N, C-alpha and C. Protein backbone atom coordinates (compact mmCIF):
# COMPACT_ATOMS: atom_id res chain seq x y z
N MET A 1 -121.29 108.97 35.42
CA MET A 1 -121.26 108.61 36.82
C MET A 1 -121.36 107.09 36.96
N ILE A 2 -120.47 106.52 37.73
CA ILE A 2 -120.47 105.07 37.88
C ILE A 2 -121.49 104.63 38.93
N GLU A 3 -121.81 103.34 38.87
CA GLU A 3 -122.63 102.73 39.91
C GLU A 3 -122.15 101.30 40.14
N PHE A 4 -122.41 100.80 41.34
CA PHE A 4 -122.08 99.42 41.68
C PHE A 4 -123.32 98.56 41.53
N LYS A 5 -123.11 97.35 41.04
CA LYS A 5 -124.21 96.39 40.93
C LYS A 5 -123.73 95.04 41.46
N GLU A 6 -124.67 94.27 41.95
CA GLU A 6 -124.36 92.90 42.36
C GLU A 6 -124.08 92.05 41.14
N ILE A 7 -123.37 90.97 41.35
CA ILE A 7 -123.10 90.04 40.27
C ILE A 7 -124.29 89.08 40.18
N THR A 8 -124.82 88.96 38.97
CA THR A 8 -126.01 88.15 38.72
C THR A 8 -125.73 87.15 37.60
N ARG A 9 -126.69 86.32 37.32
CA ARG A 9 -126.56 85.40 36.18
C ARG A 9 -126.38 86.18 34.88
N GLU A 10 -127.03 87.33 34.81
CA GLU A 10 -126.99 88.12 33.58
C GLU A 10 -125.64 88.78 33.34
N ASN A 11 -124.92 89.15 34.39
CA ASN A 11 -123.64 89.85 34.18
C ASN A 11 -122.42 89.03 34.60
N PHE A 12 -122.64 87.81 35.04
CA PHE A 12 -121.55 86.95 35.52
C PHE A 12 -120.45 86.76 34.48
N ASP A 13 -120.83 86.38 33.25
CA ASP A 13 -119.82 86.15 32.21
C ASP A 13 -119.01 87.40 31.92
N ASP A 14 -119.68 88.54 31.81
CA ASP A 14 -118.96 89.80 31.57
C ASP A 14 -117.97 90.08 32.69
N CYS A 15 -118.37 89.78 33.91
CA CYS A 15 -117.50 89.98 35.06
C CYS A 15 -116.24 89.12 34.94
N LEU A 16 -116.41 87.87 34.54
CA LEU A 16 -115.27 86.97 34.41
C LEU A 16 -114.28 87.42 33.35
N PHE A 17 -114.76 88.15 32.36
CA PHE A 17 -113.88 88.58 31.27
C PHE A 17 -113.20 89.92 31.53
N LEU A 18 -113.43 90.53 32.67
CA LEU A 18 -112.69 91.75 33.00
C LEU A 18 -111.21 91.40 33.13
N GLU A 19 -110.35 92.22 32.53
CA GLU A 19 -108.91 91.94 32.54
C GLU A 19 -108.12 93.21 32.82
N VAL A 20 -106.96 93.01 33.43
CA VAL A 20 -106.00 94.10 33.58
C VAL A 20 -104.90 93.90 32.54
N THR A 21 -103.98 94.86 32.46
CA THR A 21 -102.86 94.71 31.53
C THR A 21 -101.92 93.62 32.04
N GLU A 22 -101.10 93.13 31.15
CA GLU A 22 -100.15 92.07 31.52
C GLU A 22 -99.25 92.51 32.67
N GLU A 23 -98.83 93.77 32.66
CA GLU A 23 -97.96 94.30 33.72
C GLU A 23 -98.66 94.33 35.08
N GLN A 24 -99.99 94.39 35.09
CA GLN A 24 -100.75 94.50 36.33
C GLN A 24 -101.17 93.15 36.90
N GLU A 25 -100.97 92.08 36.16
CA GLU A 25 -101.48 90.77 36.58
C GLU A 25 -100.91 90.30 37.91
N ASP A 26 -99.68 90.72 38.23
CA ASP A 26 -99.08 90.33 39.52
C ASP A 26 -99.62 91.15 40.68
N PHE A 27 -100.34 92.22 40.39
CA PHE A 27 -100.79 93.14 41.43
C PHE A 27 -102.23 92.92 41.88
N VAL A 28 -103.05 92.32 41.05
CA VAL A 28 -104.47 92.19 41.40
C VAL A 28 -104.98 90.81 40.97
N ALA A 29 -105.74 90.19 41.85
CA ALA A 29 -106.30 88.87 41.55
C ALA A 29 -107.38 89.00 40.48
N SER A 30 -107.56 87.95 39.73
CA SER A 30 -108.60 87.93 38.70
C SER A 30 -109.98 87.96 39.34
N THR A 31 -110.96 88.32 38.54
CA THR A 31 -112.33 88.29 39.05
C THR A 31 -112.77 86.86 39.34
N MET A 32 -112.27 85.90 38.57
CA MET A 32 -112.63 84.50 38.83
C MET A 32 -112.14 84.09 40.23
N PHE A 33 -110.89 84.42 40.54
CA PHE A 33 -110.36 84.10 41.87
C PHE A 33 -111.14 84.85 42.94
N SER A 34 -111.42 86.12 42.70
CA SER A 34 -112.13 86.94 43.69
C SER A 34 -113.53 86.41 43.97
N LEU A 35 -114.24 85.99 42.93
CA LEU A 35 -115.58 85.44 43.13
C LEU A 35 -115.52 84.12 43.88
N ALA A 36 -114.54 83.29 43.56
CA ALA A 36 -114.37 82.04 44.30
C ALA A 36 -114.06 82.35 45.77
N GLU A 37 -113.19 83.31 45.99
CA GLU A 37 -112.83 83.71 47.36
C GLU A 37 -114.06 84.20 48.12
N SER A 38 -114.94 84.92 47.44
CA SER A 38 -116.14 85.45 48.11
C SER A 38 -117.13 84.35 48.49
N LYS A 39 -117.05 83.21 47.85
CA LYS A 39 -117.91 82.08 48.22
C LYS A 39 -117.37 81.35 49.44
N VAL A 40 -116.07 81.33 49.60
CA VAL A 40 -115.44 80.66 50.74
C VAL A 40 -115.40 81.59 51.94
N PHE A 41 -114.99 82.83 51.70
CA PHE A 41 -114.95 83.86 52.75
C PHE A 41 -116.16 84.76 52.54
N THR A 42 -117.27 84.33 53.09
CA THR A 42 -118.56 84.94 52.76
C THR A 42 -118.74 86.36 53.26
N GLU A 43 -117.80 86.85 54.07
CA GLU A 43 -117.86 88.26 54.47
C GLU A 43 -117.50 89.19 53.31
N ASN A 44 -116.85 88.66 52.27
CA ASN A 44 -116.48 89.47 51.10
C ASN A 44 -117.71 89.83 50.29
N ILE A 45 -117.78 91.09 49.88
CA ILE A 45 -118.90 91.59 49.08
C ILE A 45 -118.35 92.03 47.72
N PRO A 46 -118.54 91.20 46.68
CA PRO A 46 -118.07 91.57 45.35
C PRO A 46 -119.13 92.38 44.61
N LEU A 47 -118.68 93.39 43.90
CA LEU A 47 -119.57 94.24 43.12
C LEU A 47 -118.92 94.54 41.78
N VAL A 48 -119.73 94.71 40.76
CA VAL A 48 -119.20 95.16 39.48
C VAL A 48 -119.47 96.65 39.33
N ILE A 49 -118.62 97.29 38.55
CA ILE A 49 -118.67 98.74 38.36
C ILE A 49 -119.19 99.00 36.95
N TYR A 50 -120.24 99.80 36.88
CA TYR A 50 -120.84 100.15 35.60
C TYR A 50 -120.77 101.65 35.36
N ASP A 51 -120.60 102.00 34.09
CA ASP A 51 -120.81 103.36 33.60
C ASP A 51 -121.97 103.23 32.62
N GLY A 52 -123.16 103.58 33.06
CA GLY A 52 -124.34 103.32 32.25
C GLY A 52 -124.55 101.82 32.12
N ASP A 53 -124.62 101.34 30.88
CA ASP A 53 -124.78 99.91 30.62
C ASP A 53 -123.45 99.18 30.44
N LEU A 54 -122.35 99.90 30.56
CA LEU A 54 -121.03 99.36 30.30
C LEU A 54 -120.34 98.92 31.59
N MET A 55 -120.00 97.63 31.69
CA MET A 55 -119.25 97.14 32.84
C MET A 55 -117.79 97.53 32.63
N VAL A 56 -117.23 98.27 33.59
CA VAL A 56 -115.85 98.75 33.45
C VAL A 56 -114.91 98.16 34.49
N GLY A 57 -115.44 97.54 35.55
CA GLY A 57 -114.54 97.04 36.58
C GLY A 57 -115.23 96.25 37.66
N PHE A 58 -114.45 96.01 38.71
CA PHE A 58 -114.85 95.13 39.81
C PHE A 58 -114.24 95.67 41.10
N VAL A 59 -114.99 95.56 42.18
CA VAL A 59 -114.49 95.94 43.50
C VAL A 59 -115.02 94.93 44.51
N MET A 60 -114.25 94.70 45.56
CA MET A 60 -114.70 93.78 46.60
C MET A 60 -114.23 94.31 47.95
N TYR A 61 -115.15 94.31 48.92
CA TYR A 61 -114.81 94.75 50.26
C TYR A 61 -115.38 93.79 51.29
N ALA A 62 -114.92 93.94 52.53
CA ALA A 62 -115.39 93.04 53.59
C ALA A 62 -115.12 93.63 54.96
N LEU A 63 -115.90 93.18 55.92
CA LEU A 63 -115.58 93.41 57.33
C LEU A 63 -114.71 92.23 57.75
N ASP A 64 -113.46 92.52 58.07
CA ASP A 64 -112.52 91.46 58.44
C ASP A 64 -112.87 90.94 59.82
N PRO A 65 -113.16 89.65 59.95
CA PRO A 65 -113.54 89.11 61.25
C PRO A 65 -112.38 89.08 62.26
N GLU A 66 -111.15 89.17 61.78
CA GLU A 66 -110.00 89.14 62.69
C GLU A 66 -109.71 90.49 63.33
N ASP A 67 -109.77 91.57 62.53
CA ASP A 67 -109.44 92.88 63.10
C ASP A 67 -110.65 93.80 63.23
N ASN A 68 -111.82 93.34 62.77
CA ASN A 68 -113.07 94.08 62.87
C ASN A 68 -113.03 95.44 62.15
N HIS A 69 -112.27 95.51 61.06
CA HIS A 69 -112.21 96.71 60.22
C HIS A 69 -112.70 96.36 58.82
N TYR A 70 -113.25 97.36 58.15
CA TYR A 70 -113.63 97.19 56.75
C TYR A 70 -112.39 97.34 55.88
N TRP A 71 -112.26 96.43 54.94
CA TRP A 71 -111.15 96.41 54.00
C TRP A 71 -111.68 96.44 52.58
N ILE A 72 -111.05 97.22 51.73
CA ILE A 72 -111.28 97.15 50.30
C ILE A 72 -110.21 96.21 49.77
N HIS A 73 -110.64 95.00 49.41
CA HIS A 73 -109.70 93.96 49.01
C HIS A 73 -109.35 93.98 47.53
N ARG A 74 -110.24 94.45 46.70
CA ARG A 74 -109.99 94.44 45.26
C ARG A 74 -110.51 95.72 44.63
N LEU A 75 -109.73 96.19 43.69
CA LEU A 75 -110.18 97.20 42.75
C LEU A 75 -109.55 96.83 41.42
N LEU A 76 -110.40 96.55 40.45
CA LEU A 76 -109.92 96.16 39.13
C LEU A 76 -110.71 96.94 38.10
N ILE A 77 -109.99 97.71 37.29
CA ILE A 77 -110.60 98.40 36.15
C ILE A 77 -110.10 97.68 34.90
N ASP A 78 -111.03 97.27 34.05
CA ASP A 78 -110.65 96.56 32.84
C ASP A 78 -109.66 97.39 32.03
N LYS A 79 -108.72 96.69 31.41
CA LYS A 79 -107.64 97.36 30.68
C LYS A 79 -108.17 98.29 29.58
N LYS A 80 -109.34 98.00 29.03
CA LYS A 80 -109.91 98.85 27.98
C LYS A 80 -110.41 100.19 28.52
N TYR A 81 -110.62 100.26 29.83
CA TYR A 81 -111.24 101.46 30.41
C TYR A 81 -110.34 102.18 31.41
N GLN A 82 -109.07 101.80 31.44
CA GLN A 82 -108.14 102.47 32.35
C GLN A 82 -107.78 103.85 31.81
N GLN A 83 -107.28 104.69 32.70
CA GLN A 83 -106.88 106.07 32.38
C GLN A 83 -108.07 106.94 31.99
N LYS A 84 -109.25 106.60 32.50
CA LYS A 84 -110.46 107.39 32.22
C LYS A 84 -111.12 107.89 33.50
N GLY A 85 -110.44 107.71 34.63
CA GLY A 85 -110.97 108.19 35.90
C GLY A 85 -111.84 107.20 36.65
N TYR A 86 -112.03 106.00 36.11
CA TYR A 86 -112.91 105.03 36.77
C TYR A 86 -112.34 104.54 38.10
N GLY A 87 -111.04 104.37 38.19
CA GLY A 87 -110.44 103.92 39.45
C GLY A 87 -110.66 104.92 40.56
N THR A 88 -110.46 106.19 40.25
CA THR A 88 -110.68 107.26 41.24
C THR A 88 -112.14 107.30 41.65
N GLN A 89 -113.04 107.26 40.67
CA GLN A 89 -114.47 107.28 40.98
C GLN A 89 -114.88 106.08 41.82
N ALA A 90 -114.38 104.91 41.46
CA ALA A 90 -114.77 103.68 42.17
C ALA A 90 -114.27 103.69 43.61
N MET A 91 -113.02 104.09 43.83
CA MET A 91 -112.50 104.13 45.20
C MET A 91 -113.25 105.17 46.04
N THR A 92 -113.49 106.33 45.46
CA THR A 92 -114.24 107.36 46.18
C THR A 92 -115.62 106.85 46.56
N LYS A 93 -116.28 106.21 45.61
CA LYS A 93 -117.65 105.73 45.83
C LYS A 93 -117.70 104.57 46.82
N ILE A 94 -116.74 103.64 46.76
CA ILE A 94 -116.79 102.49 47.68
C ILE A 94 -116.49 102.94 49.10
N VAL A 95 -115.58 103.90 49.27
CA VAL A 95 -115.31 104.44 50.61
C VAL A 95 -116.57 105.09 51.16
N LYS A 96 -117.23 105.88 50.33
CA LYS A 96 -118.47 106.55 50.76
C LYS A 96 -119.57 105.53 51.08
N LEU A 97 -119.69 104.50 50.25
CA LEU A 97 -120.70 103.46 50.49
C LEU A 97 -120.46 102.75 51.81
N ILE A 98 -119.21 102.38 52.07
CA ILE A 98 -118.88 101.72 53.34
C ILE A 98 -119.21 102.63 54.51
N GLN A 99 -118.89 103.91 54.38
CA GLN A 99 -119.18 104.86 55.46
C GLN A 99 -120.69 104.97 55.69
N GLU A 100 -121.45 105.09 54.62
CA GLU A 100 -122.91 105.25 54.75
C GLU A 100 -123.58 104.01 55.32
N LEU A 101 -123.16 102.84 54.86
CA LEU A 101 -123.82 101.60 55.29
C LEU A 101 -123.39 101.12 56.66
N HIS A 102 -122.13 101.38 57.03
CA HIS A 102 -121.58 100.73 58.21
C HIS A 102 -121.02 101.67 59.27
N GLN A 103 -120.82 102.94 58.95
CA GLN A 103 -120.29 103.95 59.88
C GLN A 103 -119.02 103.52 60.63
N PRO A 104 -118.01 102.99 59.92
CA PRO A 104 -116.77 102.64 60.63
C PRO A 104 -115.95 103.90 60.90
N SER A 105 -114.98 103.79 61.78
CA SER A 105 -114.08 104.93 62.03
C SER A 105 -113.04 105.05 60.92
N LYS A 106 -112.77 103.94 60.24
CA LYS A 106 -111.80 103.95 59.15
C LYS A 106 -112.05 102.77 58.22
N VAL A 107 -111.44 102.84 57.05
CA VAL A 107 -111.45 101.74 56.10
C VAL A 107 -110.01 101.52 55.67
N LEU A 108 -109.67 100.26 55.42
CA LEU A 108 -108.30 99.90 55.08
C LEU A 108 -108.22 99.31 53.68
N THR A 109 -107.05 99.42 53.09
CA THR A 109 -106.74 98.74 51.83
C THR A 109 -105.26 98.43 51.84
N SER A 110 -104.82 97.73 50.82
CA SER A 110 -103.40 97.40 50.73
C SER A 110 -103.01 97.30 49.26
N PHE A 111 -101.71 97.31 49.02
CA PHE A 111 -101.23 97.16 47.66
C PHE A 111 -99.91 96.39 47.65
N GLU A 112 -99.67 95.73 46.54
CA GLU A 112 -98.44 94.97 46.34
C GLU A 112 -97.27 95.93 46.16
N PRO A 113 -96.09 95.57 46.70
CA PRO A 113 -94.90 96.39 46.45
C PRO A 113 -94.69 96.55 44.94
N GLY A 114 -94.38 97.75 44.52
CA GLY A 114 -94.17 98.02 43.11
C GLY A 114 -95.39 98.52 42.39
N ASN A 115 -96.56 98.44 43.00
CA ASN A 115 -97.78 98.92 42.36
C ASN A 115 -97.93 100.41 42.65
N THR A 116 -97.11 101.19 41.99
CA THR A 116 -97.08 102.63 42.26
C THR A 116 -98.36 103.33 41.81
N VAL A 117 -99.03 102.78 40.81
CA VAL A 117 -100.30 103.38 40.36
C VAL A 117 -101.33 103.31 41.47
N ALA A 118 -101.47 102.14 42.10
CA ALA A 118 -102.43 102.00 43.21
C ALA A 118 -102.03 102.88 44.38
N GLU A 119 -100.76 102.88 44.72
CA GLU A 119 -100.29 103.70 45.85
C GLU A 119 -100.61 105.17 45.62
N LYS A 120 -100.31 105.69 44.42
CA LYS A 120 -100.60 107.10 44.11
C LYS A 120 -102.09 107.40 44.23
N LEU A 121 -102.91 106.50 43.69
CA LEU A 121 -104.36 106.68 43.75
C LEU A 121 -104.83 106.77 45.19
N TYR A 122 -104.43 105.81 46.02
CA TYR A 122 -104.88 105.78 47.40
C TYR A 122 -104.43 107.02 48.16
N LEU A 123 -103.19 107.43 47.97
CA LEU A 123 -102.69 108.62 48.67
C LEU A 123 -103.42 109.87 48.19
N LEU A 124 -103.68 109.96 46.90
CA LEU A 124 -104.42 111.09 46.34
C LEU A 124 -105.81 111.22 46.96
N LEU A 125 -106.42 110.08 47.27
CA LEU A 125 -107.78 110.08 47.83
C LEU A 125 -107.81 110.24 49.34
N GLY A 126 -106.65 110.38 49.97
CA GLY A 126 -106.61 110.64 51.40
C GLY A 126 -106.24 109.47 52.28
N PHE A 127 -105.93 108.33 51.68
CA PHE A 127 -105.43 107.20 52.47
C PHE A 127 -104.04 107.54 52.98
N LYS A 128 -103.69 107.00 54.14
CA LYS A 128 -102.37 107.21 54.75
C LYS A 128 -101.72 105.86 55.01
N HIS A 129 -100.40 105.83 54.83
CA HIS A 129 -99.65 104.62 55.16
C HIS A 129 -99.74 104.35 56.66
N THR A 130 -99.90 103.08 57.01
CA THR A 130 -99.93 102.70 58.43
C THR A 130 -98.58 102.20 58.92
N GLY A 131 -97.69 101.87 58.00
CA GLY A 131 -96.42 101.26 58.36
C GLY A 131 -96.51 99.76 58.55
N ARG A 132 -97.70 99.21 58.39
CA ARG A 132 -97.90 97.76 58.55
C ARG A 132 -97.83 97.06 57.20
N LEU A 133 -97.46 95.80 57.26
CA LEU A 133 -97.53 94.91 56.11
C LEU A 133 -98.44 93.75 56.47
N VAL A 134 -99.31 93.38 55.54
CA VAL A 134 -100.16 92.20 55.69
C VAL A 134 -99.98 91.38 54.42
N ASP A 135 -99.55 90.14 54.59
CA ASP A 135 -99.27 89.28 53.44
C ASP A 135 -98.33 89.96 52.45
N ASP A 136 -97.32 90.64 52.98
CA ASP A 136 -96.30 91.35 52.20
C ASP A 136 -96.85 92.54 51.42
N GLU A 137 -98.04 93.00 51.75
CA GLU A 137 -98.61 94.19 51.10
C GLU A 137 -98.62 95.34 52.09
N ALA A 138 -98.35 96.55 51.58
CA ALA A 138 -98.39 97.75 52.40
C ALA A 138 -99.84 98.11 52.71
N VAL A 139 -100.12 98.40 53.97
CA VAL A 139 -101.48 98.71 54.42
C VAL A 139 -101.65 100.22 54.52
N LEU A 140 -102.79 100.70 54.01
CA LEU A 140 -103.16 102.11 54.12
C LEU A 140 -104.52 102.21 54.78
N GLU A 141 -104.78 103.35 55.41
CA GLU A 141 -106.08 103.55 56.05
C GLU A 141 -106.64 104.91 55.68
N TYR A 142 -107.95 104.96 55.63
CA TYR A 142 -108.68 106.21 55.42
C TYR A 142 -109.54 106.41 56.66
N CYS A 143 -109.25 107.47 57.41
CA CYS A 143 -109.98 107.73 58.66
C CYS A 143 -111.11 108.71 58.40
N PHE A 144 -112.28 108.40 58.94
CA PHE A 144 -113.45 109.25 58.74
C PHE A 144 -113.53 110.37 59.76
N ASN A 145 -112.87 110.24 60.89
CA ASN A 145 -112.96 111.27 61.93
C ASN A 145 -111.79 112.21 61.87
């Protein structure tokens, strides 16, 4: 069972070394970029994903000040731990965490065109296409009601 943890001095370096496959590099920002982004856009909440003592990935979400909706901005599973169900577990858990902590009516995410793995995952978990594009990414929503 996975758990989310805050990024600390103790796990910072491990977080920076999380990597995706070469084919996925165009689809997801690095953890270094994401952590820098979270310092500038302080509404972003970065978390690392652990399975026991093993860091397997990274997720980041935020309440968007422009549209007042919660967005899952990043999901990154390290290339060594892909195809083991961690992406499904992490998305399920982050959606549940956002619902429990903030009680929104929906949560949004997006994916780059061509990222069929992310699209399949989101649709499998109950996200629906909105028909909108934001920064050339397809937007999906998960409604709680």
